[in-house]
Amino acid sequence: MRNVLIYGGCVMRDTFDYLGEGHTLTGYVARQSLISAASPPTALLGEGKLASAFQNRSLDGDINSTLFRQVRELGPSADIFLIDLLSDRLGVYALPDKTYITNSRELRASGRLGSLEKGPSLIKFGTEKHFNLWKRAADKLVASINEVGLRERTLVMETPWASRTDTGEEVVSFRGMSASEAGELYRPYYTHLRRRGLLSKRLPDKLAVSSLTHKWGPEPYHYAPPAYEWMRDEILGAF
């Protein structure tokens, strides 16, 4: 039995379901962008008021910046640490207490931003300011991975977004960001992690195809089965 720790979004979580017997998901840090994760916890008031326990846990984790604690606590016993950068696409809010929080659907739906006397400032993904903040957060994550001896068991999955489904339909862009635009914006982020020595694998462009029958619906990062099968094989081949 191999323990798997995941940080990112649905890309790696959906891939985990393809790994098969012999793999246990011991931790999943979801919808927590890296800038927010590296920020001190913030003090946003309000109740969850969200549709599911998972959404409430994810928002609570983002508010409390739980990623690094999870790496410290679960990293030493993890046989595989999988990372995707899907949550970073959301950008972050800079809050008055000098902390950052992910611009997630869960945050907006919770109404917690309404507790602030001064409105937050949005830092968009791909901007120079976002990338500079992200690089510092990424370096902190790499240091944390090294501290718990997890480096040789860590894999970053680079996933180009899909512009078409497996039946030829056009995939709706995410918040106005097309697949090609996302690819250009993500490029320096992936490059930075590779330069910091993390193992990285890139999904071939020909497999970057969405699926109308995906359980979460067709999105640029909800792939058809061949993509997950490729990622599964790369993970099993690396570890």
Protein backbone atom coordinates (compact mmCIF):
# COMPACT_ATOMS: atom_id res chain seq x y z
CA MET A 1 0.00 0.00 0.00
CA ARG A 2 1.42 3.39 -1.03
CA ASN A 3 0.37 6.66 0.58
CA VAL A 4 -0.42 9.51 -1.81
CA LEU A 5 -0.49 13.20 -0.82
CA ILE A 6 -2.02 15.66 -3.30
CA TYR A 7 -1.75 19.43 -3.52
CA GLY A 8 -3.62 21.24 -6.23
CA GLY A 9 -6.99 20.77 -7.87
CA CYS A 10 -9.14 18.22 -9.61
CA VAL A 11 -6.46 17.30 -12.16
CA MET A 12 -4.43 15.21 -9.71
CA ARG A 13 -7.44 14.23 -7.63
CA ASP A 14 -9.18 12.77 -10.69
CA THR A 15 -5.95 11.07 -11.75
CA PHE A 16 -5.68 9.41 -8.35
CA ASP A 17 -8.84 7.42 -9.13
CA TYR A 18 -6.92 5.82 -12.01
CA LEU A 19 -3.99 4.66 -9.88
CA GLY A 20 -5.84 1.55 -8.79
CA GLU A 21 -5.59 -0.67 -5.75
CA GLY A 22 -2.55 -0.32 -3.60
CA HIS A 23 -2.78 3.48 -3.31
CA THR A 24 -4.33 5.39 -0.41
CA LEU A 25 -5.14 9.10 -0.48
CA THR A 26 -3.77 10.25 2.87
CA GLY A 27 -4.13 13.98 2.25
CA TYR A 28 -5.64 16.36 -0.31
CA VAL A 29 -5.06 20.11 -0.10
CA ALA A 30 -7.54 21.57 -2.57
CA ARG A 31 -8.50 25.02 -3.88
CA GLN A 32 -5.65 26.67 -1.98
CA SER A 33 -3.42 28.68 -4.29
CA LEU A 34 0.26 28.69 -3.44
CA ILE A 35 0.43 32.38 -2.54
CA SER A 36 -2.41 31.92 -0.09
CA ALA A 37 -0.89 28.71 1.28
CA ALA A 38 2.41 30.49 2.03
CA SER A 39 0.59 33.43 3.64
CA PRO A 40 -0.15 33.52 7.38
CA PRO A 41 -3.73 32.53 8.22
CA THR A 42 -6.20 35.36 7.83
CA ALA A 43 -9.11 36.30 10.06
CA LEU A 44 -12.18 36.42 7.85
CA LEU A 45 -15.44 36.40 9.75
CA GLY A 46 -18.57 34.47 8.86
CA GLU A 47 -19.87 30.95 8.53
CA GLY A 48 -19.29 28.53 5.68
CA LYS A 49 -22.79 28.59 4.13
CA LEU A 50 -21.58 26.44 1.25
CA ALA A 51 -23.19 23.57 -0.60
CA SER A 52 -20.95 20.76 0.59
CA ALA A 53 -18.66 19.72 3.41
CA PHE A 54 -15.80 19.52 0.91
CA GLN A 55 -16.29 23.15 -0.12
CA ASN A 56 -16.36 24.26 3.50
CA ARG A 57 -13.20 22.25 4.29
CA SER A 58 -11.43 23.70 1.27
CA LEU A 59 -12.32 27.28 2.19
CA ASP A 60 -11.37 26.71 5.81
CA GLY A 61 -8.06 25.26 4.68
CA ASP A 62 -7.42 28.28 2.47
CA ILE A 63 -8.23 30.73 5.25
CA ASN A 64 -5.96 28.86 7.64
CA SER A 65 -3.15 28.21 5.12
CA THR A 66 -2.92 24.49 5.85
CA LEU A 67 -0.65 23.27 3.02
CA PHE A 68 2.67 23.53 4.82
CA ARG A 69 1.32 21.88 7.95
CA GLN A 70 0.07 19.00 5.81
CA VAL A 71 3.49 18.65 4.18
CA ARG A 72 5.19 18.58 7.58
CA GLU A 73 2.73 16.13 9.10
CA LEU A 74 1.98 13.83 6.15
CA GLY A 75 5.05 14.28 3.98
CA PRO A 76 7.38 11.94 5.89
CA SER A 77 4.99 8.99 5.43
CA ALA A 78 3.94 9.86 1.86
CA ASP A 79 5.25 7.59 -0.86
CA ILE A 80 4.07 9.95 -3.60
CA PHE A 81 3.43 13.72 -3.51
CA LEU A 82 1.49 14.96 -6.54
CA ILE A 83 1.23 18.65 -7.42
CA ASP A 84 -0.79 20.50 -10.02
CA LEU A 85 -1.05 24.28 -10.32
CA LEU A 86 -4.74 24.45 -11.15
CA SER A 87 -5.72 26.53 -8.11
CA ASP A 88 -3.25 29.27 -9.02
CA ARG A 89 -5.36 30.24 -12.05
CA LEU A 90 -7.79 31.91 -9.65
CA GLY A 91 -5.47 34.67 -8.51
CA VAL A 92 -5.48 35.99 -4.95
CA TYR A 93 -6.91 38.80 -2.89
CA ALA A 94 -4.54 40.94 -0.84
CA LEU A 95 -6.35 41.55 2.44
CA PRO A 96 -6.03 44.51 4.83
CA ASP A 97 -4.22 42.33 7.41
CA LYS A 98 -1.42 41.84 4.83
CA THR A 99 -2.37 38.23 4.15
CA TYR A 100 -3.55 36.64 0.90
CA ILE A 101 -6.48 34.39 0.09
CA THR A 102 -7.50 32.54 -3.07
CA ASN A 103 -10.08 34.18 -5.31
CA SER A 104 -12.21 31.04 -5.26
CA ARG A 105 -15.87 30.47 -5.98
CA GLU A 106 -16.19 29.18 -2.42
CA LEU A 107 -14.82 32.41 -0.95
CA ARG A 108 -17.20 34.57 -2.94
CA ALA A 109 -20.19 32.34 -2.17
CA SER A 110 -19.43 32.38 1.56
CA GLY A 111 -19.92 36.13 1.88
CA ARG A 112 -16.86 36.38 4.09
CA LEU A 113 -15.33 39.23 2.10
CA GLY A 114 -18.30 41.30 3.19
CA SER A 115 -16.92 41.30 6.74
CA LEU A 116 -14.02 43.54 5.66
CA GLU A 117 -14.24 47.27 6.32
CA LYS A 118 -11.90 47.91 3.39
CA GLY A 119 -12.31 46.06 0.12
CA PRO A 120 -9.61 43.57 -0.86
CA SER A 121 -7.28 44.07 -3.82
CA LEU A 122 -7.32 41.37 -6.52
CA ILE A 123 -3.97 40.17 -7.89
CA LYS A 124 -4.61 38.32 -11.14
CA PHE A 125 -2.87 35.14 -12.19
CA GLY A 126 -0.10 35.70 -14.71
CA THR A 127 0.63 39.31 -13.78
CA GLU A 128 4.15 40.31 -12.76
CA LYS A 129 3.02 40.96 -9.18
CA HIS A 130 1.33 37.56 -8.94
CA PHE A 131 4.34 35.73 -10.36
CA ASN A 132 6.78 37.46 -8.01
CA LEU A 133 4.65 36.58 -4.99
CA TRP A 134 4.19 33.05 -6.32
CA LYS A 135 7.92 32.48 -6.81
CA ARG A 136 8.60 33.26 -3.15
CA ALA A 137 5.79 30.90 -2.14
CA ALA A 138 7.11 28.19 -4.48
CA ASP A 139 10.59 28.46 -3.00
CA LYS A 140 9.07 28.05 0.43
CA LEU A 141 7.25 24.92 -0.72
CA VAL A 142 10.39 23.42 -2.23
CA ALA A 143 12.26 24.10 1.03
CA SER A 144 9.47 22.40 2.99
CA ILE A 145 9.56 19.40 0.64
CA ASN A 146 13.30 19.12 1.14
CA GLU A 147 13.04 19.43 4.92
CA VAL A 148 10.80 16.35 5.20
CA GLY A 149 12.79 14.32 2.68
CA LEU A 150 10.00 14.32 0.12
CA ARG A 151 11.88 15.65 -2.91
CA GLU A 152 12.52 12.30 -4.60
CA ARG A 153 8.85 11.39 -4.15
CA THR A 154 7.38 14.60 -5.59
CA LEU A 155 5.95 15.03 -9.08
CA VAL A 156 4.57 18.20 -10.68
CA MET A 157 2.07 17.52 -13.46
CA GLU A 158 1.95 20.15 -16.20
CA THR A 159 -1.40 20.03 -17.96
CA PRO A 160 -2.20 22.18 -21.01
CA TRP A 161 -5.87 23.14 -21.08
CA ALA A 162 -8.33 21.65 -23.53
CA SER A 163 -10.00 23.83 -26.13
CA ARG A 164 -12.17 20.99 -27.54
CA THR A 165 -14.08 18.03 -26.19
CA ASP A 166 -13.63 14.44 -27.32
CA THR A 167 -16.66 14.92 -29.57
CA GLY A 168 -15.39 18.13 -31.15
CA GLU A 169 -17.33 20.80 -29.25
CA GLU A 170 -15.59 23.98 -28.19
CA VAL A 171 -14.87 24.16 -24.45
CA VAL A 172 -16.03 27.34 -22.74
CA SER A 173 -13.10 29.42 -21.50
CA PHE A 174 -12.50 29.89 -17.78
CA ARG A 175 -13.26 33.47 -16.67
CA GLY A 176 -12.42 34.62 -20.18
CA MET A 177 -9.09 32.78 -20.25
CA SER A 178 -8.66 30.58 -23.32
CA ALA A 179 -6.64 27.38 -23.37
CA SER A 180 -3.84 29.00 -25.37
CA GLU A 181 -3.74 32.03 -23.07
CA ALA A 182 -3.58 29.79 -20.01
CA GLY A 183 -0.71 27.86 -21.56
CA GLU A 184 1.34 31.03 -22.04
CA LEU A 185 0.58 32.31 -18.55
CA TYR A 186 1.45 29.01 -16.87
CA ARG A 187 4.75 28.55 -18.70
CA PRO A 188 7.03 30.55 -16.32
CA TYR A 189 5.41 28.97 -13.25
CA TYR A 190 6.23 25.46 -14.40
CA THR A 191 9.71 26.56 -15.49
CA HIS A 192 10.40 27.94 -12.02
CA LEU A 193 9.56 24.64 -10.32
CA ARG A 194 11.71 22.70 -12.77
CA ARG A 195 14.61 25.04 -12.12
CA ARG A 196 14.18 24.41 -8.42
CA GLY A 197 14.78 20.73 -9.12
CA LEU A 198 11.29 19.22 -8.87
CA LEU A 199 10.43 16.36 -11.21
CA SER A 200 7.88 17.56 -13.75
CA LYS A 201 5.89 15.78 -16.46
CA ARG A 202 3.87 17.49 -19.20
CA LEU A 203 0.68 16.07 -20.63
CA PRO A 204 1.07 15.86 -24.44
CA ASP A 205 -0.97 18.46 -26.30
CA LYS A 206 -2.78 15.78 -28.28
CA LEU A 207 -4.24 14.41 -25.02
CA ALA A 208 -5.40 17.83 -23.79
CA VAL A 209 -9.02 17.02 -24.66
CA SER A 210 -12.03 17.60 -22.44
CA SER A 211 -14.94 15.19 -22.06
CA LEU A 212 -18.66 15.87 -22.27
CA THR A 213 -19.22 12.94 -19.92
CA HIS A 214 -16.71 13.99 -17.26
CA LYS A 215 -18.28 13.67 -13.82
CA TRP A 216 -17.71 17.38 -13.15
CA GLY A 217 -18.77 18.48 -16.64
CA PRO A 218 -16.72 19.75 -19.60
CA GLU A 219 -14.08 22.28 -18.55
CA PRO A 220 -10.63 23.06 -19.97
CA TYR A 221 -9.06 20.97 -17.17
CA HIS A 222 -11.62 18.11 -17.07
CA TYR A 223 -10.02 15.63 -19.42
CA ALA A 224 -11.09 12.57 -21.37
CA PRO A 225 -9.87 9.19 -20.04
CA PRO A 226 -6.73 8.91 -22.24
CA ALA A 227 -5.25 11.95 -20.47
CA TYR A 228 -5.74 10.41 -17.01
CA GLU A 229 -4.38 7.10 -18.24
CA TRP A 230 -1.24 8.83 -19.52
CA MET A 231 -0.78 10.68 -16.22
CA ARG A 232 -1.35 7.44 -14.29
CA ASP A 233 1.35 5.69 -16.30
CA GLU A 234 3.79 8.55 -15.76
CA ILE A 235 3.19 8.51 -12.01
CA LEU A 236 3.56 4.76 -11.72
CA GLY A 237 6.65 4.86 -13.90
CA ALA A 238 8.27 7.59 -11.78
CA PHE A 239 7.68 5.91 -8.43
